[in-house]
């Protein structure tokens, strides 16, 4: 079993409070976040962009693995994941994760697209998100 830890510290109320987010590894250390970094344009991070970064990284690794298992080399992958949050009567929900990936590989485009679809469905972060997950893939 593999366990990884992220943590958050928060002071104050929702709108006037401030927070810091960190990872046990130290890769993120006390990055500021708050109401305005989440719902406005104040510099800092927010949970949705962290989920997006985790999703993009997870998908890219899953895709690299599947391409390698298929014997495909020359792999270069650049991915982002756009996380959409909407509000309804019950509050805010993450409703969509949209992968945008650019893939270079020594293989037929159709084969790379098929493998990318498997990586999208099978990466652990895709599987944990209870949201529609879509993707735009560019094979170069």
N, C-alpha and C. Protein backbone atom coordinates (compact mmCIF):
# COMPACT_ATOMS: atom_id res chain seq x y z
N UNK A 1 0.84 -1.18 0.00
CA UNK A 1 0.00 0.00 0.00
C UNK A 1 0.89 1.25 0.00
N UNK A 2 0.54 2.22 -0.81
CA UNK A 2 1.26 3.48 -0.90
C UNK A 2 0.38 4.57 -0.31
N UNK A 3 0.94 5.37 0.57
CA UNK A 3 0.21 6.50 1.14
C UNK A 3 1.03 7.77 0.96
N UNK A 4 0.38 8.82 0.54
CA UNK A 4 1.00 10.13 0.37
C UNK A 4 0.14 11.13 1.14
N UNK A 5 0.77 12.19 1.64
CA UNK A 5 0.05 13.12 2.49
C UNK A 5 0.17 14.55 1.99
N UNK A 6 -0.96 15.21 1.91
CA UNK A 6 -1.04 16.64 1.70
C UNK A 6 -1.75 17.22 2.91
N UNK A 7 -1.44 18.46 3.24
CA UNK A 7 -2.07 19.05 4.43
C UNK A 7 -2.43 20.51 4.17
N UNK A 8 -3.35 21.00 4.96
CA UNK A 8 -3.77 22.38 4.87
C UNK A 8 -3.95 22.95 6.26
N UNK A 9 -3.60 24.22 6.40
CA UNK A 9 -3.81 24.96 7.65
C UNK A 9 -4.68 26.16 7.31
N UNK A 10 -5.69 26.43 8.12
CA UNK A 10 -6.63 27.52 7.84
C UNK A 10 -6.84 28.34 9.11
N UNK A 11 -6.87 29.67 8.95
CA UNK A 11 -7.17 30.59 10.05
C UNK A 11 -8.30 31.51 9.62
N UNK A 12 -9.35 31.61 10.44
CA UNK A 12 -10.40 32.58 10.19
C UNK A 12 -11.61 32.00 9.49
N UNK A 13 -12.48 32.91 9.09
CA UNK A 13 -13.71 32.55 8.41
C UNK A 13 -13.45 32.28 6.94
N UNK A 14 -14.53 31.93 6.23
CA UNK A 14 -14.39 31.57 4.81
C UNK A 14 -13.84 32.73 3.99
N UNK A 15 -14.45 33.90 4.08
CA UNK A 15 -14.06 35.00 3.21
C UNK A 15 -12.88 35.81 3.74
N UNK A 16 -12.72 35.90 5.04
CA UNK A 16 -11.62 36.70 5.57
C UNK A 16 -10.43 35.85 6.04
N UNK A 17 -10.57 34.54 5.96
CA UNK A 17 -9.51 33.66 6.43
C UNK A 17 -8.40 33.48 5.42
N UNK A 18 -7.33 32.85 5.90
CA UNK A 18 -6.19 32.54 5.04
C UNK A 18 -5.74 31.12 5.34
N UNK A 19 -5.15 30.51 4.32
CA UNK A 19 -4.68 29.15 4.50
C UNK A 19 -3.34 28.94 3.85
N UNK A 20 -2.74 27.82 4.19
CA UNK A 20 -1.49 27.38 3.59
C UNK A 20 -1.61 25.89 3.34
N UNK A 21 -1.13 25.45 2.19
CA UNK A 21 -1.19 24.05 1.81
C UNK A 21 0.23 23.54 1.62
N UNK A 22 0.47 22.30 2.08
CA UNK A 22 1.80 21.70 2.01
C UNK A 22 1.68 20.22 1.67
N UNK A 23 2.80 19.66 1.26
CA UNK A 23 2.89 18.21 1.08
C UNK A 23 3.98 17.69 1.99
N UNK A 24 3.81 16.45 2.44
CA UNK A 24 4.78 15.85 3.35
C UNK A 24 6.18 15.82 2.73
N UNK A 25 6.24 15.63 1.40
CA UNK A 25 7.54 15.57 0.73
C UNK A 25 8.26 16.91 0.74
N UNK A 26 7.53 17.99 0.96
CA UNK A 26 8.11 19.31 0.91
C UNK A 26 8.05 19.94 -0.47
N UNK A 27 7.55 19.22 -1.46
CA UNK A 27 7.43 19.78 -2.81
C UNK A 27 6.55 21.04 -2.79
N UNK A 28 5.52 21.03 -1.98
CA UNK A 28 4.72 22.22 -1.71
C UNK A 28 4.90 22.54 -0.24
N UNK A 29 5.27 23.76 0.06
CA UNK A 29 5.49 24.12 1.46
C UNK A 29 4.81 25.45 1.75
N UNK A 30 3.75 25.36 2.49
CA UNK A 30 3.01 26.52 2.96
C UNK A 30 2.63 27.49 1.84
N UNK A 31 2.12 26.95 0.74
CA UNK A 31 1.62 27.79 -0.34
C UNK A 31 0.32 28.45 0.09
N UNK A 32 0.19 29.77 -0.09
CA UNK A 32 -1.03 30.44 0.37
C UNK A 32 -2.24 30.10 -0.49
N UNK A 33 -3.38 30.02 0.18
CA UNK A 33 -4.65 29.90 -0.52
C UNK A 33 -5.72 30.54 0.35
N UNK A 34 -6.81 30.90 -0.29
CA UNK A 34 -7.90 31.54 0.43
C UNK A 34 -9.08 31.73 -0.48
N UNK A 35 -10.08 32.42 0.03
CA UNK A 35 -11.31 32.64 -0.73
C UNK A 35 -11.00 33.31 -2.06
N UNK A 36 -10.18 34.35 -2.05
CA UNK A 36 -9.91 35.10 -3.27
C UNK A 36 -8.98 34.37 -4.24
N UNK A 37 -8.17 33.44 -3.75
CA UNK A 37 -7.37 32.64 -4.68
C UNK A 37 -8.22 31.55 -5.32
N UNK A 38 -9.29 31.20 -4.65
CA UNK A 38 -10.18 30.16 -5.17
C UNK A 38 -11.29 30.73 -6.05
N UNK A 39 -11.86 31.83 -5.62
CA UNK A 39 -13.02 32.38 -6.34
C UNK A 39 -12.72 33.70 -7.04
N UNK A 40 -11.52 34.21 -6.90
CA UNK A 40 -11.12 35.47 -7.53
C UNK A 40 -9.80 35.31 -8.25
N UNK A 41 -9.08 36.41 -8.35
CA UNK A 41 -7.82 36.41 -9.10
C UNK A 41 -6.60 36.72 -8.23
N UNK A 42 -6.72 36.58 -6.93
CA UNK A 42 -5.59 36.83 -6.04
C UNK A 42 -4.53 35.75 -6.24
N UNK A 43 -3.25 36.14 -6.30
CA UNK A 43 -2.19 35.12 -6.44
C UNK A 43 -2.22 34.11 -5.28
N UNK A 44 -1.94 32.88 -5.60
CA UNK A 44 -1.95 31.79 -4.63
C UNK A 44 -2.58 30.59 -5.30
N UNK A 45 -2.70 29.52 -4.59
CA UNK A 45 -3.23 28.30 -5.18
C UNK A 45 -4.66 28.07 -4.68
N UNK A 46 -5.24 26.96 -5.11
CA UNK A 46 -6.57 26.56 -4.67
C UNK A 46 -6.72 25.06 -4.89
N UNK A 47 -7.68 24.44 -4.23
CA UNK A 47 -7.83 22.99 -4.36
C UNK A 47 -8.04 22.52 -5.79
N UNK A 48 -8.78 23.29 -6.58
CA UNK A 48 -9.09 22.84 -7.94
C UNK A 48 -7.84 22.81 -8.82
N UNK A 49 -6.97 23.81 -8.72
CA UNK A 49 -5.77 23.77 -9.55
C UNK A 49 -4.82 22.68 -9.07
N UNK A 50 -4.82 22.39 -7.78
CA UNK A 50 -3.99 21.29 -7.28
C UNK A 50 -4.51 19.95 -7.80
N UNK A 51 -5.84 19.79 -7.84
CA UNK A 51 -6.42 18.58 -8.42
C UNK A 51 -6.07 18.49 -9.89
N UNK A 52 -6.14 19.63 -10.60
CA UNK A 52 -5.78 19.65 -12.01
C UNK A 52 -4.34 19.23 -12.24
N UNK A 53 -3.43 19.75 -11.42
CA UNK A 53 -2.02 19.38 -11.55
C UNK A 53 -1.82 17.89 -11.26
N UNK A 54 -2.48 17.40 -10.22
CA UNK A 54 -2.37 15.98 -9.89
C UNK A 54 -2.94 15.11 -11.01
N UNK A 55 -4.05 15.53 -11.59
CA UNK A 55 -4.68 14.77 -12.66
C UNK A 55 -3.78 14.74 -13.90
N UNK A 56 -3.22 15.90 -14.27
CA UNK A 56 -2.34 15.97 -15.44
C UNK A 56 -1.11 15.10 -15.25
N UNK A 57 -0.53 15.14 -14.06
CA UNK A 57 0.66 14.34 -13.78
C UNK A 57 0.34 12.85 -13.79
N UNK A 58 -0.76 12.48 -13.18
CA UNK A 58 -1.16 11.07 -13.11
C UNK A 58 -1.43 10.52 -14.51
N UNK A 59 -2.22 11.25 -15.30
CA UNK A 59 -2.53 10.82 -16.65
C UNK A 59 -1.25 10.66 -17.47
N UNK A 60 -0.35 11.64 -17.41
CA UNK A 60 0.89 11.59 -18.20
C UNK A 60 1.72 10.36 -17.85
N UNK A 61 1.81 10.05 -16.56
CA UNK A 61 2.56 8.86 -16.14
C UNK A 61 1.87 7.58 -16.60
N UNK A 62 0.55 7.54 -16.48
CA UNK A 62 -0.19 6.35 -16.92
C UNK A 62 -0.02 6.15 -18.42
N UNK A 63 -0.09 7.24 -19.18
CA UNK A 63 0.08 7.15 -20.62
C UNK A 63 1.49 6.68 -20.98
N UNK A 64 2.49 7.25 -20.33
CA UNK A 64 3.88 6.82 -20.58
C UNK A 64 4.04 5.33 -20.31
N UNK A 65 3.42 4.86 -19.24
CA UNK A 65 3.50 3.44 -18.89
C UNK A 65 2.85 2.58 -19.98
N UNK A 66 1.65 2.94 -20.39
CA UNK A 66 0.95 2.15 -21.40
C UNK A 66 1.66 2.18 -22.75
N UNK A 67 2.20 3.33 -23.13
CA UNK A 67 2.97 3.41 -24.37
C UNK A 67 4.21 2.53 -24.29
N UNK A 68 4.88 2.55 -23.15
CA UNK A 68 6.06 1.69 -22.95
C UNK A 68 5.71 0.22 -23.02
N UNK A 69 4.59 -0.15 -22.39
CA UNK A 69 4.15 -1.54 -22.45
C UNK A 69 3.84 -1.99 -23.88
N UNK A 70 3.43 -1.03 -24.71
CA UNK A 70 3.14 -1.34 -26.12
C UNK A 70 4.40 -1.29 -26.99
N UNK A 71 5.54 -1.03 -26.35
CA UNK A 71 6.80 -1.00 -27.08
C UNK A 71 7.01 0.28 -27.88
N UNK A 72 6.31 1.34 -27.50
CA UNK A 72 6.40 2.60 -28.22
C UNK A 72 7.41 3.50 -27.52
N UNK A 73 8.35 4.03 -28.30
CA UNK A 73 9.38 4.91 -27.76
C UNK A 73 9.21 6.33 -28.26
N UNK A 74 10.24 7.16 -28.02
CA UNK A 74 10.22 8.55 -28.45
C UNK A 74 9.09 9.35 -27.83
N UNK A 75 8.76 9.05 -26.58
CA UNK A 75 7.58 9.62 -25.93
C UNK A 75 7.89 10.95 -25.26
N UNK A 76 7.10 11.96 -25.60
CA UNK A 76 7.10 13.25 -24.92
C UNK A 76 5.63 13.63 -24.73
N UNK A 77 5.24 13.92 -23.48
CA UNK A 77 3.84 14.20 -23.16
C UNK A 77 3.77 15.52 -22.39
N UNK A 78 2.91 16.43 -22.83
CA UNK A 78 2.61 17.66 -22.10
C UNK A 78 1.11 17.70 -21.88
N UNK A 79 0.70 17.76 -20.61
CA UNK A 79 -0.72 17.66 -20.28
C UNK A 79 -1.12 18.73 -19.27
N UNK A 80 -2.32 19.25 -19.44
CA UNK A 80 -2.96 20.05 -18.40
C UNK A 80 -4.35 19.47 -18.16
N UNK A 81 -4.90 19.74 -16.99
CA UNK A 81 -6.25 19.30 -16.66
C UNK A 81 -7.02 20.51 -16.15
N UNK A 82 -8.05 20.88 -16.88
CA UNK A 82 -8.88 22.01 -16.52
C UNK A 82 -10.03 21.51 -15.66
N UNK A 83 -10.08 21.98 -14.42
CA UNK A 83 -11.10 21.55 -13.47
C UNK A 83 -12.22 22.59 -13.45
N UNK A 84 -13.46 22.15 -13.64
CA UNK A 84 -14.62 23.04 -13.62
C UNK A 84 -15.39 22.83 -12.33
N UNK A 85 -15.71 23.94 -11.67
CA UNK A 85 -16.51 23.89 -10.45
C UNK A 85 -17.76 24.74 -10.69
N UNK A 86 -18.91 24.15 -10.43
CA UNK A 86 -20.18 24.84 -10.61
C UNK A 86 -20.93 24.86 -9.29
N UNK A 87 -21.85 25.82 -9.18
CA UNK A 87 -22.68 25.93 -7.99
C UNK A 87 -24.11 25.58 -8.33
N UNK A 88 -24.73 24.80 -7.46
CA UNK A 88 -26.15 24.50 -7.58
C UNK A 88 -26.80 24.70 -6.22
N UNK A 89 -28.00 24.24 -6.04
CA UNK A 89 -28.73 24.44 -4.79
C UNK A 89 -28.03 23.81 -3.59
N UNK A 90 -27.24 22.78 -3.81
CA UNK A 90 -26.54 22.11 -2.71
C UNK A 90 -25.15 22.66 -2.46
N UNK A 91 -24.69 23.63 -3.24
CA UNK A 91 -23.37 24.22 -3.05
C UNK A 91 -22.50 24.00 -4.27
N UNK A 92 -21.20 24.12 -4.07
CA UNK A 92 -20.24 23.96 -5.15
C UNK A 92 -19.85 22.50 -5.33
N UNK A 93 -19.65 22.11 -6.59
CA UNK A 93 -19.19 20.77 -6.92
C UNK A 93 -18.23 20.84 -8.09
N UNK A 94 -17.23 19.98 -8.07
CA UNK A 94 -16.40 19.81 -9.25
C UNK A 94 -17.20 18.96 -10.21
N UNK A 95 -17.49 19.51 -11.38
CA UNK A 95 -18.37 18.84 -12.33
C UNK A 95 -17.66 18.30 -13.55
N UNK A 96 -16.42 18.73 -13.76
CA UNK A 96 -15.73 18.28 -14.96
C UNK A 96 -14.23 18.41 -14.80
N UNK A 97 -13.52 17.48 -15.39
CA UNK A 97 -12.07 17.55 -15.53
C UNK A 97 -11.77 17.32 -17.00
N UNK A 98 -11.13 18.28 -17.63
CA UNK A 98 -10.86 18.19 -19.06
C UNK A 98 -9.35 18.13 -19.29
N UNK A 99 -8.89 16.99 -19.76
CA UNK A 99 -7.47 16.81 -20.06
C UNK A 99 -7.14 17.39 -21.44
N UNK A 100 -6.08 18.13 -21.50
CA UNK A 100 -5.56 18.66 -22.76
C UNK A 100 -4.12 18.16 -22.85
N UNK A 101 -3.87 17.30 -23.80
CA UNK A 101 -2.55 16.67 -23.86
C UNK A 101 -1.96 16.73 -25.26
N UNK A 102 -0.68 16.88 -25.32
CA UNK A 102 0.08 16.88 -26.57
C UNK A 102 1.07 15.73 -26.45
N UNK A 103 0.97 14.79 -27.38
CA UNK A 103 1.73 13.54 -27.28
C UNK A 103 2.61 13.38 -28.51
N UNK A 104 3.88 13.18 -28.26
CA UNK A 104 4.81 12.81 -29.34
C UNK A 104 5.23 11.38 -29.05
N UNK A 105 5.11 10.51 -30.04
CA UNK A 105 5.47 9.11 -29.86
C UNK A 105 5.77 8.49 -31.22
N UNK A 106 6.64 7.52 -31.22
CA UNK A 106 7.01 6.81 -32.44
C UNK A 106 5.98 5.71 -32.71
N UNK A 107 4.77 6.15 -33.09
CA UNK A 107 3.69 5.18 -33.34
C UNK A 107 2.63 5.82 -34.21
N UNK A 108 1.76 4.99 -34.70
CA UNK A 108 0.61 5.41 -35.48
C UNK A 108 -0.32 6.25 -34.61
N UNK A 109 -0.87 7.34 -35.16
CA UNK A 109 -1.74 8.23 -34.40
C UNK A 109 -2.93 7.51 -33.79
N UNK A 110 -3.57 6.64 -34.54
CA UNK A 110 -4.74 5.92 -34.03
C UNK A 110 -4.37 5.07 -32.81
N UNK A 111 -3.21 4.43 -32.85
CA UNK A 111 -2.77 3.62 -31.73
C UNK A 111 -2.51 4.49 -30.50
N UNK A 112 -1.86 5.64 -30.70
CA UNK A 112 -1.58 6.54 -29.58
C UNK A 112 -2.89 7.06 -28.98
N UNK A 113 -3.85 7.42 -29.81
CA UNK A 113 -5.15 7.89 -29.30
C UNK A 113 -5.87 6.81 -28.50
N UNK A 114 -5.82 5.58 -28.98
CA UNK A 114 -6.45 4.47 -28.26
C UNK A 114 -5.81 4.27 -26.89
N UNK A 115 -4.50 4.32 -26.85
CA UNK A 115 -3.78 4.16 -25.58
C UNK A 115 -4.05 5.34 -24.66
N UNK A 116 -4.13 6.55 -25.22
CA UNK A 116 -4.43 7.74 -24.41
C UNK A 116 -5.81 7.62 -23.76
N UNK A 117 -6.78 7.10 -24.49
CA UNK A 117 -8.12 6.91 -23.94
C UNK A 117 -8.09 5.94 -22.77
N UNK A 118 -7.29 4.89 -22.88
CA UNK A 118 -7.15 3.93 -21.77
C UNK A 118 -6.49 4.59 -20.56
N UNK A 119 -5.48 5.44 -20.80
CA UNK A 119 -4.82 6.14 -19.70
C UNK A 119 -5.78 7.11 -19.02
N UNK A 120 -6.60 7.79 -19.81
CA UNK A 120 -7.59 8.73 -19.26
C UNK A 120 -8.56 8.02 -18.32
N UNK A 121 -9.03 6.88 -18.75
CA UNK A 121 -10.00 6.12 -17.93
C UNK A 121 -9.35 5.42 -16.76
N UNK A 122 -8.07 5.04 -16.91
CA UNK A 122 -7.47 4.18 -15.90
C UNK A 122 -6.53 4.82 -14.91
N UNK A 123 -6.12 6.07 -15.12
CA UNK A 123 -5.19 6.65 -14.14
C UNK A 123 -5.90 6.81 -12.80
N UNK A 124 -5.20 6.61 -11.69
CA UNK A 124 -5.85 6.65 -10.37
C UNK A 124 -6.60 7.95 -10.07
N UNK A 125 -6.09 9.10 -10.52
CA UNK A 125 -6.80 10.34 -10.24
C UNK A 125 -8.08 10.41 -11.06
N UNK A 126 -8.07 9.97 -12.31
CA UNK A 126 -9.31 9.91 -13.08
C UNK A 126 -10.34 9.04 -12.37
N UNK A 127 -9.89 7.94 -11.82
CA UNK A 127 -10.82 7.01 -11.18
C UNK A 127 -11.38 7.55 -9.89
N UNK A 128 -10.65 8.43 -9.20
CA UNK A 128 -11.16 8.96 -7.93
C UNK A 128 -12.10 10.14 -8.13
N UNK A 129 -11.97 10.86 -9.23
CA UNK A 129 -12.82 12.02 -9.47
C UNK A 129 -14.24 11.57 -9.83
N UNK A 130 -15.21 12.12 -9.12
CA UNK A 130 -16.60 11.83 -9.43
C UNK A 130 -17.12 12.95 -10.32
N UNK A 131 -16.53 13.03 -11.50
CA UNK A 131 -16.87 14.10 -12.43
C UNK A 131 -16.72 13.57 -13.85
N UNK A 132 -17.31 14.29 -14.79
CA UNK A 132 -17.10 13.96 -16.18
C UNK A 132 -15.65 14.28 -16.52
N UNK A 133 -14.96 13.35 -17.12
CA UNK A 133 -13.57 13.55 -17.49
C UNK A 133 -13.48 13.45 -19.00
N UNK A 134 -13.06 14.56 -19.61
CA UNK A 134 -12.93 14.61 -21.06
C UNK A 134 -11.48 14.90 -21.42
N UNK A 135 -11.16 14.84 -22.70
CA UNK A 135 -9.78 15.04 -23.10
C UNK A 135 -9.69 15.54 -24.53
N UNK A 136 -8.74 16.45 -24.78
CA UNK A 136 -8.32 16.81 -26.12
C UNK A 136 -6.91 16.32 -26.26
N UNK A 137 -6.64 15.47 -27.22
CA UNK A 137 -5.29 14.92 -27.42
C UNK A 137 -4.76 15.38 -28.77
N UNK A 138 -3.55 15.90 -28.76
CA UNK A 138 -2.86 16.27 -29.98
C UNK A 138 -1.66 15.35 -30.11
N UNK A 139 -1.60 14.60 -31.18
CA UNK A 139 -0.48 13.71 -31.43
C UNK A 139 0.39 14.38 -32.47
N UNK A 140 1.67 14.53 -32.16
CA UNK A 140 2.58 15.19 -33.09
C UNK A 140 3.66 14.25 -33.56
